[in-house]
Amino acid sequence: MNHDVIVIGLGDLGGAAAQRLALRGMRVLGLDGRSRDELPEADEALAAGADLHFEERVIDWFTEPSGARVLTPSSTYAAPMLVICDGTDARTLLL
């Protein structure tokens, strides 16, 4: 599936961002290293049609002329836009 935006972190802020973007017709991929049971905030994003991957930790990300590329232990994803909402874990992704 091609995505318009990747949202890293599906807690309160990331779950809300994924939901709002999906409701606006964007193809959203959400990634979080935690289990679905730990992220009830993500239920509304799922209901809005976002493609959410739980227990898939982000290792790194890169910007490219076409957008962003995100690496996880199991895959590499690309999208024109990237939203990082990973709470305190965002520090490791942003440094």
PDB file of N, CA and C in Angstrom:
ATOM      1  N   MET A   1       0.836  -1.185   0.000  1.00  0.00           N
ATOM      2  CA  MET A   1       0.000   0.000   0.000  1.00  0.00           C
ATOM      3  C   MET A   1       0.878   1.244   0.000  1.00  0.00           C
ATOM      4  N   ASN A   2       0.529   2.217  -0.788  1.00  0.00           N
ATOM      5  CA  ASN A   2       1.214   3.506  -0.763  1.00  0.00           C
ATOM      6  C   ASN A   2       0.537   4.387   0.272  1.00  0.00           C
ATOM      7  N   HIS A   3       1.353   5.075   1.053  1.00  0.00           N
ATOM      8  CA  HIS A   3       0.820   5.944   2.094  1.00  0.00           C
ATOM      9  C   HIS A   3       1.147   7.399   1.767  1.00  0.00           C
ATOM     10  N   ASP A   4       0.270   8.301   2.206  1.00  0.00           N
ATOM     11  CA  ASP A   4       0.501   9.737   2.055  1.00  0.00           C
ATOM     12  C   ASP A   4       1.329  10.272   3.207  1.00  0.00           C
ATOM     13  N   VAL A   5       1.187   9.656   4.371  1.00  0.00           N
ATOM     14  CA  VAL A   5       1.871  10.135   5.574  1.00  0.00           C
ATOM     15  C   VAL A   5       2.140   8.958   6.503  1.00  0.00           C
ATOM     16  N   ILE A   6       3.281   9.031   7.189  1.00  0.00           N
ATOM     17  CA  ILE A   6       3.627   8.062   8.227  1.00  0.00           C
ATOM     18  C   ILE A   6       3.606   8.798   9.558  1.00  0.00           C
ATOM     19  N   VAL A   7       2.909   8.227  10.527  1.00  0.00           N
ATOM     20  CA  VAL A   7       2.866   8.783  11.879  1.00  0.00           C
ATOM     21  C   VAL A   7       3.632   7.838  12.786  1.00  0.00           C
ATOM     22  N   ILE A   8       4.682   8.347  13.422  1.00  0.00           N
ATOM     23  CA  ILE A   8       5.463   7.560  14.372  1.00  0.00           C
ATOM     24  C   ILE A   8       4.968   7.899  15.771  1.00  0.00           C
ATOM     25  N   GLY A   9       4.506   6.885  16.484  1.00  0.00           N
ATOM     26  CA  GLY A   9       3.959   7.074  17.825  1.00  0.00           C
ATOM     27  C   GLY A   9       2.443   7.163  17.761  1.00  0.00           C
ATOM     28  N   LEU A  10       1.762   6.287  18.471  1.00  0.00           N
ATOM     29  CA  LEU A  10       0.299   6.228  18.406  1.00  0.00           C
ATOM     30  C   LEU A  10      -0.362   6.433  19.760  1.00  0.00           C
ATOM     31  N   GLY A  11       0.303   7.186  20.620  1.00  0.00           N
ATOM     32  CA  GLY A  11      -0.303   7.551  21.899  1.00  0.00           C
ATOM     33  C   GLY A  11      -1.360   8.619  21.682  1.00  0.00           C
ATOM     34  N   ASP A  12      -1.599   9.453  22.688  1.00  0.00           N
ATOM     35  CA  ASP A  12      -2.646  10.480  22.598  1.00  0.00           C
ATOM     36  C   ASP A  12      -2.486  11.358  21.362  1.00  0.00           C
ATOM     37  N   LEU A  13      -1.331  11.970  21.203  1.00  0.00           N
ATOM     38  CA  LEU A  13      -1.112  12.912  20.103  1.00  0.00           C
ATOM     39  C   LEU A  13      -1.011  12.204  18.751  1.00  0.00           C
ATOM     40  N   GLY A  14      -0.245  11.127  18.674  1.00  0.00           N
ATOM     41  CA  GLY A  14      -0.086  10.411  17.415  1.00  0.00           C
ATOM     42  C   GLY A  14      -1.371   9.739  16.960  1.00  0.00           C
ATOM     43  N   GLY A  15      -2.121   9.185  17.908  1.00  0.00           N
ATOM     44  CA  GLY A  15      -3.397   8.574  17.568  1.00  0.00           C
ATOM     45  C   GLY A  15      -4.374   9.601  17.020  1.00  0.00           C
ATOM     46  N   ALA A  16      -4.397  10.782  17.647  1.00  0.00           N
ATOM     47  CA  ALA A  16      -5.277  11.860  17.174  1.00  0.00           C
ATOM     48  C   ALA A  16      -4.841  12.356  15.800  1.00  0.00           C
ATOM     49  N   ALA A  17      -3.532  12.491  15.600  1.00  0.00           N
ATOM     50  CA  ALA A  17      -3.030  12.944  14.295  1.00  0.00           C
ATOM     51  C   ALA A  17      -3.388  11.933  13.207  1.00  0.00           C
ATOM     52  N   ALA A  18      -3.187  10.655  13.485  1.00  0.00           N
ATOM     53  CA  ALA A  18      -3.508   9.616  12.502  1.00  0.00           C
ATOM     54  C   ALA A  18      -4.998   9.624  12.171  1.00  0.00           C
ATOM     55  N   GLN A  19      -5.836   9.794  13.190  1.00  0.00           N
ATOM     56  CA  GLN A  19      -7.276   9.819  12.962  1.00  0.00           C
ATOM     57  C   GLN A  19      -7.673  11.016  12.104  1.00  0.00           C
ATOM     58  N   ARG A  20      -7.197  12.205  12.462  1.00  0.00           N
ATOM     59  CA  ARG A  20      -7.578  13.412  11.718  1.00  0.00           C
ATOM     60  C   ARG A  20      -7.107  13.346  10.267  1.00  0.00           C
ATOM     61  N   LEU A  21      -5.901  12.869  10.064  1.00  0.00           N
ATOM     62  CA  LEU A  21      -5.383  12.763   8.698  1.00  0.00           C
ATOM     63  C   LEU A  21      -6.189  11.748   7.883  1.00  0.00           C
ATOM     64  N   ALA A  22      -6.531  10.619   8.496  1.00  0.00           N
ATOM     65  CA  ALA A  22      -7.326   9.607   7.796  1.00  0.00           C
ATOM     66  C   ALA A  22      -8.720  10.149   7.469  1.00  0.00           C
ATOM     67  N   LEU A  23      -9.317  10.903   8.390  1.00  0.00           N
ATOM     68  CA  LEU A  23     -10.631  11.485   8.142  1.00  0.00           C
ATOM     69  C   LEU A  23     -10.605  12.498   6.998  1.00  0.00           C
ATOM     70  N   ARG A  24      -9.434  13.073   6.746  1.00  0.00           N
ATOM     71  CA  ARG A  24      -9.278  14.027   5.645  1.00  0.00           C
ATOM     72  C   ARG A  24      -8.937  13.324   4.334  1.00  0.00           C
ATOM     73  N   GLY A  25      -9.013  12.012   4.333  1.00  0.00           N
ATOM     74  CA  GLY A  25      -8.819  11.260   3.109  1.00  0.00           C
ATOM     75  C   GLY A  25      -7.395  10.852   2.808  1.00  0.00           C
ATOM     76  N   MET A  26      -6.487  11.069   3.759  1.00  0.00           N
ATOM     77  CA  MET A  26      -5.098  10.671   3.536  1.00  0.00           C
ATOM     78  C   MET A  26      -4.914   9.194   3.879  1.00  0.00           C
ATOM     79  N   ARG A  27      -4.007   8.552   3.159  1.00  0.00           N
ATOM     80  CA  ARG A  27      -3.648   7.164   3.448  1.00  0.00           C
ATOM     81  C   ARG A  27      -2.556   7.206   4.509  1.00  0.00           C
ATOM     82  N   VAL A  28      -2.906   6.811   5.725  1.00  0.00           N
ATOM     83  CA  VAL A  28      -2.048   6.967   6.897  1.00  0.00           C
ATOM     84  C   VAL A  28      -1.473   5.627   7.322  1.00  0.00           C
ATOM     85  N   LEU A  29      -0.158   5.608   7.552  1.00  0.00           N
ATOM     86  CA  LEU A  29       0.509   4.468   8.183  1.00  0.00           C
ATOM     87  C   LEU A  29       0.955   4.933   9.561  1.00  0.00           C
ATOM     88  N   GLY A  30       0.511   4.255  10.594  1.00  0.00           N
ATOM     89  CA  GLY A  30       0.940   4.556  11.958  1.00  0.00           C
ATOM     90  C   GLY A  30       1.815   3.446  12.489  1.00  0.00           C
ATOM     91  N   LEU A  31       2.916   3.821  13.141  1.00  0.00           N
ATOM     92  CA  LEU A  31       3.871   2.848  13.681  1.00  0.00           C
ATOM     93  C   LEU A  31       4.089   3.104  15.162  1.00  0.00           C
ATOM     94  N   ASP A  32       4.118   2.047  15.955  1.00  0.00           N
ATOM     95  CA  ASP A  32       4.430   2.174  17.376  1.00  0.00           C
ATOM     96  C   ASP A  32       4.992   0.852  17.867  1.00  0.00           C
ATOM     97  N   GLY A  33       5.973   0.920  18.747  1.00  0.00           N
ATOM     98  CA  GLY A  33       6.598  -0.276  19.299  1.00  0.00           C
ATOM     99  C   GLY A  33       5.768  -0.956  20.373  1.00  0.00           C
ATOM    100  N   ARG A  34       4.728  -0.284  20.842  1.00  0.00           N
ATOM    101  CA  ARG A  34       3.898  -0.858  21.900  1.00  0.00           C
ATOM    102  C   ARG A  34       2.780  -1.724  21.309  1.00  0.00           C
ATOM    103  N   SER A  35       2.155  -2.516  22.169  1.00  0.00           N
ATOM    104  CA  SER A  35       1.064  -3.386  21.723  1.00  0.00           C
ATOM    105  C   SER A  35      -0.228  -2.588  21.578  1.00  0.00           C
ATOM    106  N   ARG A  36      -1.164  -3.148  20.855  1.00  0.00           N
ATOM    107  CA  ARG A  36      -2.461  -2.489  20.656  1.00  0.00           C
ATOM    108  C   ARG A  36      -3.178  -2.301  21.989  1.00  0.00           C
ATOM    109  N   ASP A  37      -3.030  -3.239  22.914  1.00  0.00           N
ATOM    110  CA  ASP A  37      -3.669  -3.129  24.225  1.00  0.00           C
ATOM    111  C   ASP A  37      -3.168  -1.914  25.000  1.00  0.00           C
ATOM    112  N   GLU A  38      -1.930  -1.509  24.753  1.00  0.00           N
ATOM    113  CA  GLU A  38      -1.355  -0.355  25.446  1.00  0.00           C
ATOM    114  C   GLU A  38      -1.761   0.972  24.811  1.00  0.00           C
ATOM    115  N   LEU A  39      -2.439   0.927  23.676  1.00  0.00           N
ATOM    116  CA  LEU A  39      -2.730   2.141  22.923  1.00  0.00           C
ATOM    117  C   LEU A  39      -4.213   2.273  22.575  1.00  0.00           C
ATOM    118  N   PRO A  40      -5.080   2.402  23.575  1.00  0.00           N
ATOM    119  CA  PRO A  40      -6.504   2.551  23.269  1.00  0.00           C
ATOM    120  C   PRO A  40      -6.802   3.837  22.487  1.00  0.00           C
ATOM    121  N   GLU A  41      -5.879   4.807  22.554  1.00  0.00           N
ATOM    122  CA  GLU A  41      -6.046   6.063  21.818  1.00  0.00           C
ATOM    123  C   GLU A  41      -6.088   5.830  20.310  1.00  0.00           C
ATOM    124  N   ALA A  42      -5.538   4.719  19.866  1.00  0.00           N
ATOM    125  CA  ALA A  42      -5.435   4.442  18.436  1.00  0.00           C
ATOM    126  C   ALA A  42      -6.733   3.884  17.846  1.00  0.00           C
ATOM    127  N   ASP A  43      -7.693   3.526  18.682  1.00  0.00           N
ATOM    128  CA  ASP A  43      -8.942   2.935  18.182  1.00  0.00           C
ATOM    129  C   ASP A  43      -9.657   3.850  17.189  1.00  0.00           C
ATOM    130  N   GLU A  44      -9.691   5.142  17.471  1.00  0.00           N
ATOM    131  CA  GLU A  44     -10.385   6.066  16.577  1.00  0.00           C
ATOM    132  C   GLU A  44      -9.662   6.196  15.242  1.00  0.00           C
ATOM    133  N   ALA A  45      -8.337   6.106  15.258  1.00  0.00           N
ATOM    134  CA  ALA A  45      -7.575   6.151  14.005  1.00  0.00           C
ATOM    135  C   ALA A  45      -7.867   4.903  13.169  1.00  0.00           C
ATOM    136  N   LEU A  46      -7.965   3.759  13.817  1.00  0.00           N
ATOM    137  CA  LEU A  46      -8.322   2.520  13.107  1.00  0.00           C
ATOM    138  C   LEU A  46      -9.717   2.646  12.493  1.00  0.00           C
ATOM    139  N   ALA A  47     -10.656   3.174  13.272  1.00  0.00           N
ATOM    140  CA  ALA A  47     -12.022   3.339  12.781  1.00  0.00           C
ATOM    141  C   ALA A  47     -12.086   4.306  11.604  1.00  0.00           C
ATOM    142  N   ALA A  48     -11.158   5.267  11.568  1.00  0.00           N
ATOM    143  CA  ALA A  48     -11.123   6.243  10.470  1.00  0.00           C
ATOM    144  C   ALA A  48     -10.430   5.691   9.234  1.00  0.00           C
ATOM    145  N   GLY A  49      -9.848   4.490   9.346  1.00  0.00           N
ATOM    146  CA  GLY A  49      -9.233   3.852   8.185  1.00  0.00           C
ATOM    147  C   GLY A  49      -7.724   3.901   8.125  1.00  0.00           C
ATOM    148  N   ALA A  50      -7.078   4.360   9.192  1.00  0.00           N
ATOM    149  CA  ALA A  50      -5.613   4.376   9.209  1.00  0.00           C
ATOM    150  C   ALA A  50      -5.074   2.946   9.275  1.00  0.00           C
ATOM    151  N   ASP A  51      -3.942   2.719   8.631  1.00  0.00           N
ATOM    152  CA  ASP A  51      -3.242   1.434   8.637  1.00  0.00           C
ATOM    153  C   ASP A  51      -2.235   1.490   9.778  1.00  0.00           C
ATOM    154  N   LEU A  52      -2.523   0.830  10.893  1.00  0.00           N
ATOM    155  CA  LEU A  52      -1.678   0.929  12.081  1.00  0.00           C
ATOM    156  C   LEU A  52      -0.911  -0.359  12.317  1.00  0.00           C
ATOM    157  N   HIS A  53       0.369  -0.216  12.603  1.00  0.00           N
ATOM    158  CA  HIS A  53       1.243  -1.359  12.889  1.00  0.00           C
ATOM    159  C   HIS A  53       1.718  -1.228  14.332  1.00  0.00           C
ATOM    160  N   PHE A  54       1.276  -2.142  15.162  1.00  0.00           N
ATOM    161  CA  PHE A  54       1.675  -2.166  16.562  1.00  0.00           C
ATOM    162  C   PHE A  54       2.855  -3.115  16.733  1.00  0.00           C
ATOM    163  N   GLU A  55       3.603  -2.937  17.800  1.00  0.00           N
ATOM    164  CA  GLU A  55       4.786  -3.746  18.094  1.00  0.00           C
ATOM    165  C   GLU A  55       5.771  -3.709  16.926  1.00  0.00           C
ATOM    166  N   GLU A  56       5.871  -2.552  16.286  1.00  0.00           N
ATOM    167  CA  GLU A  56       6.840  -2.344  15.209  1.00  0.00           C
ATOM    168  C   GLU A  56       7.613  -1.062  15.526  1.00  0.00           C
ATOM    169  N   ARG A  57       8.749  -1.248  16.151  1.00  0.00           N
ATOM    170  CA  ARG A  57       9.578  -0.151  16.632  1.00  0.00           C
ATOM    171  C   ARG A  57      10.326   0.510  15.477  1.00  0.00           C
ATOM    172  N   VAL A  58      10.382   1.828  15.496  1.00  0.00           N
ATOM    173  CA  VAL A  58      11.129   2.573  14.484  1.00  0.00           C
ATOM    174  C   VAL A  58      12.591   2.640  14.899  1.00  0.00           C
ATOM    175  N   ILE A  59      13.463   2.250  13.985  1.00  0.00           N
ATOM    176  CA  ILE A  59      14.902   2.279  14.231  1.00  0.00           C
ATOM    177  C   ILE A  59      15.490   3.614  13.807  1.00  0.00           C
ATOM    178  N   ASP A  60      15.077   4.103  12.641  1.00  0.00           N
ATOM    179  CA  ASP A  60      15.636   5.348  12.108  1.00  0.00           C
ATOM    180  C   ASP A  60      14.733   5.876  11.005  1.00  0.00           C
ATOM    181  N   TRP A  61      14.960   7.103  10.609  1.00  0.00           N
ATOM    182  CA  TRP A  61      14.227   7.704   9.498  1.00  0.00           C
ATOM    183  C   TRP A  61      15.156   8.655   8.761  1.00  0.00           C
ATOM    184  N   PHE A  62      14.842   8.882   7.486  1.00  0.00           N
ATOM    185  CA  PHE A  62      15.658   9.733   6.626  1.00  0.00           C
ATOM    186  C   PHE A  62      14.737  10.578   5.763  1.00  0.00           C
ATOM    187  N   THR A  63      15.173  11.783   5.459  1.00  0.00           N
ATOM    188  CA  THR A  63      14.428  12.581   4.486  1.00  0.00           C
ATOM    189  C   THR A  63      15.080  12.410   3.123  1.00  0.00           C
ATOM    190  N   GLU A  64      14.247  12.472   2.106  1.00  0.00           N
ATOM    191  CA  GLU A  64      14.683  12.340   0.721  1.00  0.00           C
ATOM    192  C   GLU A  64      13.947  13.394  -0.091  1.00  0.00           C
ATOM    193  N   PRO A  65      14.351  13.656  -1.307  1.00  0.00           N
ATOM    194  CA  PRO A  65      13.616  14.632  -2.115  1.00  0.00           C
ATOM    195  C   PRO A  65      12.124  14.280  -2.274  1.00  0.00           C
ATOM    196  N   SER A  66      11.803  12.990  -2.252  1.00  0.00           N
ATOM    197  CA  SER A  66      10.413  12.575  -2.428  1.00  0.00           C
ATOM    198  C   SER A  66       9.630  12.493  -1.119  1.00  0.00           C
ATOM    199  N   GLY A  67      10.287  12.704   0.017  1.00  0.00           N
ATOM    200  CA  GLY A  67       9.598  12.625   1.308  1.00  0.00           C
ATOM    201  C   GLY A  67      10.482  12.016   2.379  1.00  0.00           C
ATOM    202  N   ALA A  68       9.959  10.991   3.048  1.00  0.00           N
ATOM    203  CA  ALA A  68      10.693  10.364   4.153  1.00  0.00           C
ATOM    204  C   ALA A  68      10.701   8.853   3.997  1.00  0.00           C
ATOM    205  N   ARG A  69      11.747   8.244   4.529  1.00  0.00           N
ATOM    206  CA  ARG A  69      11.874   6.794   4.572  1.00  0.00           C
ATOM    207  C   ARG A  69      12.051   6.420   6.041  1.00  0.00           C
ATOM    208  N   VAL A  70      11.274   5.429   6.504  1.00  0.00           N
ATOM    209  CA  VAL A  70      11.292   5.004   7.902  1.00  0.00           C
ATOM    210  C   VAL A  70      11.706   3.541   7.963  1.00  0.00           C
ATOM    211  N   LEU A  71      12.673   3.244   8.827  1.00  0.00           N
ATOM    212  CA  LEU A  71      13.189   1.878   8.979  1.00  0.00           C
ATOM    213  C   LEU A  71      12.688   1.263  10.281  1.00  0.00           C
ATOM    214  N   THR A  72      12.215   0.020  10.197  1.00  0.00           N
ATOM    215  CA  THR A  72      11.852  -0.769  11.368  1.00  0.00           C
ATOM    216  C   THR A  72      12.619  -2.086  11.263  1.00  0.00           C
ATOM    217  N   PRO A  73      12.624  -2.917  12.313  1.00  0.00           N
ATOM    218  CA  PRO A  73      13.329  -4.191  12.211  1.00  0.00           C
ATOM    219  C   PRO A  73      12.804  -5.091  11.087  1.00  0.00           C
ATOM    220  N   SER A  74      11.539  -4.916  10.700  1.00  0.00           N
ATOM    221  CA  SER A  74      10.965  -5.822   9.710  1.00  0.00           C
ATOM    222  C   SER A  74      10.738  -5.221   8.334  1.00  0.00           C
ATOM    223  N   SER A  75      10.829  -3.888   8.199  1.00  0.00           N
ATOM    224  CA  SER A  75      10.496  -3.293   6.911  1.00  0.00           C
ATOM    225  C   SER A  75      11.056  -1.880   6.774  1.00  0.00           C
ATOM    226  N   THR A  76      10.928  -1.365   5.558  1.00  0.00           N
ATOM    227  CA  THR A  76      11.238   0.031   5.256  1.00  0.00           C
ATOM    228  C   THR A  76      10.006   0.620   4.590  1.00  0.00           C
ATOM    229  N   TYR A  77       9.573   1.778   5.078  1.00  0.00           N
ATOM    230  CA  TYR A  77       8.388   2.439   4.555  1.00  0.00           C
ATOM    231  C   TYR A  77       8.765   3.815   4.017  1.00  0.00           C
ATOM    232  N   ALA A  78       8.020   4.274   3.030  1.00  0.00           N
ATOM    233  CA  ALA A  78       8.271   5.603   2.467  1.00  0.00           C
ATOM    234  C   ALA A  78       6.945   6.317   2.277  1.00  0.00           C
ATOM    235  N   ALA A  79       6.959   7.637   2.446  1.00  0.00           N
ATOM    236  CA  ALA A  79       5.777   8.468   2.236  1.00  0.00           C
ATOM    237  C   ALA A  79       6.242   9.908   2.038  1.00  0.00           C
ATOM    238  N   PRO A  80       5.430  10.716   1.373  1.00  0.00           N
ATOM    239  CA  PRO A  80       5.795  12.116   1.165  1.00  0.00           C
ATOM    240  C   PRO A  80       5.888  12.929   2.462  1.00  0.00           C
ATOM    241  N   MET A  81       5.128  12.515   3.504  1.00  0.00           N
ATOM    242  CA  MET A  81       5.120  13.264   4.763  1.00  0.00           C
ATOM    243  C   MET A  81       5.378  12.340   5.945  1.00  0.00           C
ATOM    244  N   LEU A  82       5.984  12.924   6.987  1.00  0.00           N
ATOM    245  CA  LEU A  82       6.292  12.191   8.207  1.00  0.00           C
ATOM    246  C   LEU A  82       5.884  13.044   9.402  1.00  0.00           C
ATOM    247  N   VAL A  83       5.176  12.433  10.362  1.00  0.00           N
ATOM    248  CA  VAL A  83       4.786  13.092  11.600  1.00  0.00           C
ATOM    249  C   VAL A  83       5.382  12.277  12.737  1.00  0.00           C
ATOM    250  N   ILE A  84       6.169  12.924  13.611  1.00  0.00           N
ATOM    251  CA  ILE A  84       6.787  12.228  14.741  1.00  0.00           C
ATOM    252  C   ILE A  84       6.102  12.685  16.023  1.00  0.00           C
ATOM    253  N   CYS A  85       5.393  11.757  16.663  1.00  0.00           N
ATOM    254  CA  CYS A  85       4.642  12.022  17.900  1.00  0.00           C
ATOM    255  C   CYS A  85       4.988  10.963  18.934  1.00  0.00           C
ATOM    256  N   ASP A  86       6.246  10.708  19.102  1.00  0.00           N
ATOM    257  CA  ASP A  86       6.673   9.575  19.918  1.00  0.00           C
ATOM    258  C   ASP A  86       6.972   9.946  21.365  1.00  0.00           C
ATOM    259  N   GLY A  87       6.418  11.037  21.858  1.00  0.00           N
ATOM    260  CA  GLY A  87       6.604  11.415  23.254  1.00  0.00           C
ATOM    261  C   GLY A  87       8.067  11.554  23.624  1.00  0.00           C
ATOM    262  N   THR A  88       8.416  11.085  24.798  1.00  0.00           N
ATOM    263  CA  THR A  88       9.805  11.206  25.250  1.00  0.00           C
ATOM    264  C   THR A  88      10.756  10.378  24.409  1.00  0.00           C
ATOM    265  N   ASP A  89      10.252   9.343  23.750  1.00  0.00           N
ATOM    266  CA  ASP A  89      11.098   8.533  22.860  1.00  0.00           C
ATOM    267  C   ASP A  89      11.511   9.305  21.609  1.00  0.00           C
ATOM    268  N   ALA A  90      10.816  10.387  21.309  1.00  0.00           N
ATOM    269  CA  ALA A  90      11.136  11.169  20.115  1.00  0.00           C
ATOM    270  C   ALA A  90      12.547  11.725  20.172  1.00  0.00           C
ATOM    271  N   ARG A  91      13.064  11.947  21.374  1.00  0.00           N
ATOM    272  CA  ARG A  91      14.431  12.484  21.489  1.00  0.00           C
ATOM    273  C   ARG A  91      15.440  11.595  20.791  1.00  0.00           C
ATOM    274  N   THR A  92      15.281  10.272  20.913  1.00  0.00           N
ATOM    275  CA  THR A  92      16.229   9.364  20.278  1.00  0.00           C
ATOM    276  C   THR A  92      16.062   9.384  18.763  1.00  0.00           C
ATOM    277  N   LEU A  93      14.853   9.660  18.282  1.00  0.00           N
ATOM    278  CA  LEU A  93      14.627   9.715  16.841  1.00  0.00           C
ATOM    279  C   LEU A  93      15.070  11.034  16.234  1.00  0.00           C
ATOM    280  N   LEU A  94      15.076  12.098  17.037  1.00  0.00           N
ATOM    281  CA  LEU A  94      15.381  13.420  16.512  1.00  0.00           C
ATOM    282  C   LEU A  94      16.842  13.814  16.651  1.00  0.00           C
ATOM    283  N   LEU A  95      17.597  13.094  17.436  1.00  0.00           N
ATOM    284  CA  LEU A  95      19.024  13.445  17.613  1.00  0.00           C
ATOM    285  C   LEU A  95      19.892  12.744  16.600  1.00  0.00           C
TER     286      LEU A  95
END
